[in-house]
Amino acid sequence: MDAQIVDILVCPACKGPLEKRLHDGALVCKTDRLAFPVRQGVAILLINQAETFEDHLSKGTA
């Protein structure tokens, strides 16, 4: 996913910034502690599709 696109995307819960994780491409909101998946280059910014940051970390993908 292009860095310029990531710069304009916001968390759907708090409207805060998202950070892209390089090793898995997930978009993470540090405020809400949510990790949003990116599938086939498309960010899935649905709260019900997000993992909690703790779950994401426990999988070793954060």
N, C-alpha and C. Protein backbone atom coordinates (compact mmCIF):
# COMPACT_ATOMS: atom_id res chain seq x y z
N MET A 1 0.85 -1.17 0.00
CA MET A 1 0.00 0.00 0.00
C MET A 1 0.89 1.23 0.00
N ASP A 2 0.58 2.17 -0.83
CA ASP A 2 1.36 3.39 -1.01
C ASP A 2 1.38 4.23 0.27
N ALA A 3 2.54 4.77 0.62
CA ALA A 3 2.70 5.56 1.84
C ALA A 3 1.83 6.82 1.84
N GLN A 4 1.61 7.41 0.68
CA GLN A 4 0.76 8.60 0.61
C GLN A 4 -0.69 8.28 0.95
N ILE A 5 -1.13 7.09 0.58
CA ILE A 5 -2.49 6.68 0.92
C ILE A 5 -2.60 6.44 2.42
N VAL A 6 -1.61 5.77 2.99
CA VAL A 6 -1.61 5.51 4.43
C VAL A 6 -1.66 6.83 5.20
N ASP A 7 -0.99 7.85 4.70
CA ASP A 7 -0.96 9.15 5.37
C ASP A 7 -2.33 9.80 5.47
N ILE A 8 -3.23 9.51 4.53
CA ILE A 8 -4.55 10.15 4.58
C ILE A 8 -5.62 9.27 5.22
N LEU A 9 -5.32 7.99 5.44
CA LEU A 9 -6.28 7.11 6.10
C LEU A 9 -6.30 7.38 7.59
N VAL A 10 -7.47 7.23 8.19
CA VAL A 10 -7.60 7.42 9.63
C VAL A 10 -8.35 6.23 10.23
N CYS A 11 -8.20 6.07 11.52
CA CYS A 11 -8.90 5.02 12.25
C CYS A 11 -10.40 5.31 12.18
N PRO A 12 -11.21 4.32 11.84
CA PRO A 12 -12.65 4.55 11.78
C PRO A 12 -13.29 4.76 13.16
N ALA A 13 -12.61 4.37 14.22
CA ALA A 13 -13.16 4.52 15.56
C ALA A 13 -12.91 5.91 16.14
N CYS A 14 -11.64 6.37 16.07
CA CYS A 14 -11.29 7.64 16.73
C CYS A 14 -10.87 8.74 15.75
N LYS A 15 -10.74 8.40 14.49
CA LYS A 15 -10.30 9.33 13.44
C LYS A 15 -8.83 9.74 13.60
N GLY A 16 -8.09 8.97 14.39
CA GLY A 16 -6.66 9.24 14.60
C GLY A 16 -5.82 8.62 13.50
N PRO A 17 -4.52 8.90 13.52
CA PRO A 17 -3.62 8.38 12.48
C PRO A 17 -3.41 6.88 12.59
N LEU A 18 -3.10 6.28 11.46
CA LEU A 18 -2.77 4.86 11.40
C LEU A 18 -1.30 4.71 11.04
N GLU A 19 -0.69 3.67 11.53
CA GLU A 19 0.71 3.37 11.25
C GLU A 19 0.78 2.03 10.54
N LYS A 20 1.54 1.97 9.47
CA LYS A 20 1.69 0.72 8.72
C LYS A 20 2.83 -0.10 9.30
N ARG A 21 2.55 -1.35 9.57
CA ARG A 21 3.59 -2.27 10.01
C ARG A 21 4.24 -2.87 8.79
N LEU A 22 5.55 -2.77 8.71
CA LEU A 22 6.26 -3.18 7.50
C LEU A 22 6.23 -4.69 7.26
N HIS A 23 6.32 -5.48 8.30
CA HIS A 23 6.45 -6.93 8.10
C HIS A 23 5.14 -7.62 7.72
N ASP A 24 3.99 -7.05 8.08
CA ASP A 24 2.74 -7.71 7.70
C ASP A 24 1.76 -6.78 6.99
N GLY A 25 2.07 -5.49 6.95
CA GLY A 25 1.23 -4.55 6.22
C GLY A 25 -0.01 -4.09 6.96
N ALA A 26 -0.25 -4.60 8.17
CA ALA A 26 -1.43 -4.17 8.93
C ALA A 26 -1.33 -2.69 9.26
N LEU A 27 -2.49 -2.06 9.37
CA LEU A 27 -2.56 -0.66 9.78
C LEU A 27 -3.00 -0.63 11.24
N VAL A 28 -2.19 0.04 12.07
CA VAL A 28 -2.40 0.00 13.51
C VAL A 28 -2.77 1.38 14.03
N CYS A 29 -3.81 1.43 14.87
CA CYS A 29 -4.18 2.64 15.60
C CYS A 29 -3.67 2.46 17.02
N LYS A 30 -2.68 3.25 17.40
CA LYS A 30 -2.12 3.13 18.74
C LYS A 30 -3.09 3.64 19.82
N THR A 31 -3.93 4.59 19.47
CA THR A 31 -4.88 5.14 20.44
C THR A 31 -5.91 4.10 20.86
N ASP A 32 -6.53 3.45 19.88
CA ASP A 32 -7.56 2.44 20.16
C ASP A 32 -6.99 1.04 20.29
N ARG A 33 -5.71 0.89 20.00
CA ARG A 33 -5.02 -0.39 20.08
C ARG A 33 -5.70 -1.44 19.20
N LEU A 34 -5.95 -1.02 17.95
CA LEU A 34 -6.57 -1.89 16.95
C LEU A 34 -5.63 -2.07 15.77
N ALA A 35 -5.64 -3.26 15.19
CA ALA A 35 -4.86 -3.55 14.00
C ALA A 35 -5.83 -3.93 12.89
N PHE A 36 -5.80 -3.16 11.81
CA PHE A 36 -6.68 -3.39 10.67
C PHE A 36 -5.91 -4.14 9.59
N PRO A 37 -6.49 -5.21 9.05
CA PRO A 37 -5.78 -5.98 8.02
C PRO A 37 -5.74 -5.26 6.68
N VAL A 38 -4.76 -5.62 5.89
CA VAL A 38 -4.67 -5.18 4.50
C VAL A 38 -4.65 -6.46 3.67
N ARG A 39 -5.66 -6.61 2.82
CA ARG A 39 -5.79 -7.81 1.99
C ARG A 39 -5.72 -7.44 0.52
N GLN A 40 -4.77 -8.04 -0.16
CA GLN A 40 -4.55 -7.79 -1.59
C GLN A 40 -4.44 -6.30 -1.88
N GLY A 41 -3.74 -5.58 -0.98
CA GLY A 41 -3.49 -4.16 -1.18
C GLY A 41 -4.63 -3.25 -0.77
N VAL A 42 -5.70 -3.81 -0.19
CA VAL A 42 -6.86 -3.02 0.21
C VAL A 42 -6.97 -3.02 1.73
N ALA A 43 -6.99 -1.83 2.33
CA ALA A 43 -7.14 -1.71 3.78
C ALA A 43 -8.58 -2.02 4.16
N ILE A 44 -8.75 -2.91 5.10
CA ILE A 44 -10.08 -3.27 5.60
C ILE A 44 -10.30 -2.48 6.89
N LEU A 45 -10.91 -1.31 6.76
CA LEU A 45 -11.07 -0.40 7.88
C LEU A 45 -12.46 -0.54 8.52
N LEU A 46 -12.81 -1.76 8.80
CA LEU A 46 -14.06 -2.07 9.49
C LEU A 46 -13.71 -2.49 10.91
N ILE A 47 -14.35 -1.85 11.88
CA ILE A 47 -14.02 -2.13 13.27
C ILE A 47 -14.23 -3.60 13.61
N ASN A 48 -15.27 -4.20 13.06
CA ASN A 48 -15.52 -5.61 13.36
C ASN A 48 -14.51 -6.55 12.69
N GLN A 49 -13.69 -6.06 11.79
CA GLN A 49 -12.64 -6.86 11.15
C GLN A 49 -11.27 -6.65 11.81
N ALA A 50 -11.19 -5.66 12.69
CA ALA A 50 -9.91 -5.35 13.34
C ALA A 50 -9.64 -6.32 14.47
N GLU A 51 -8.35 -6.52 14.73
CA GLU A 51 -7.93 -7.28 15.90
C GLU A 51 -7.50 -6.29 16.96
N THR A 52 -7.68 -6.67 18.23
CA THR A 52 -7.11 -5.81 19.26
C THR A 52 -5.60 -5.89 19.13
N PHE A 53 -4.94 -4.86 19.55
CA PHE A 53 -3.49 -4.81 19.43
C PHE A 53 -2.86 -5.96 20.21
N GLU A 54 -3.44 -6.31 21.34
CA GLU A 54 -2.92 -7.41 22.14
C GLU A 54 -3.02 -8.74 21.39
N ASP A 55 -4.16 -8.98 20.71
CA ASP A 55 -4.31 -10.20 19.91
C ASP A 55 -3.31 -10.22 18.77
N HIS A 56 -3.11 -9.07 18.15
CA HIS A 56 -2.18 -8.95 17.04
C HIS A 56 -0.75 -9.26 17.51
N LEU A 57 -0.40 -8.75 18.69
CA LEU A 57 0.93 -8.99 19.26
C LEU A 57 1.11 -10.47 19.62
N SER A 58 0.07 -11.09 20.17
CA SER A 58 0.19 -12.47 20.59
C SER A 58 0.42 -13.42 19.41
N LYS A 59 0.00 -13.00 18.22
CA LYS A 59 0.23 -13.79 17.02
C LYS A 59 1.64 -13.59 16.49
N GLY A 60 2.36 -12.63 17.08
CA GLY A 60 3.72 -12.35 16.63
C GLY A 60 3.77 -11.58 15.34
N THR A 61 2.74 -10.80 15.04
CA THR A 61 2.69 -10.08 13.76
C THR A 61 2.70 -8.58 13.92
N ALA A 62 2.96 -8.07 15.09
CA ALA A 62 2.97 -6.60 15.27
C ALA A 62 4.37 -6.08 15.31
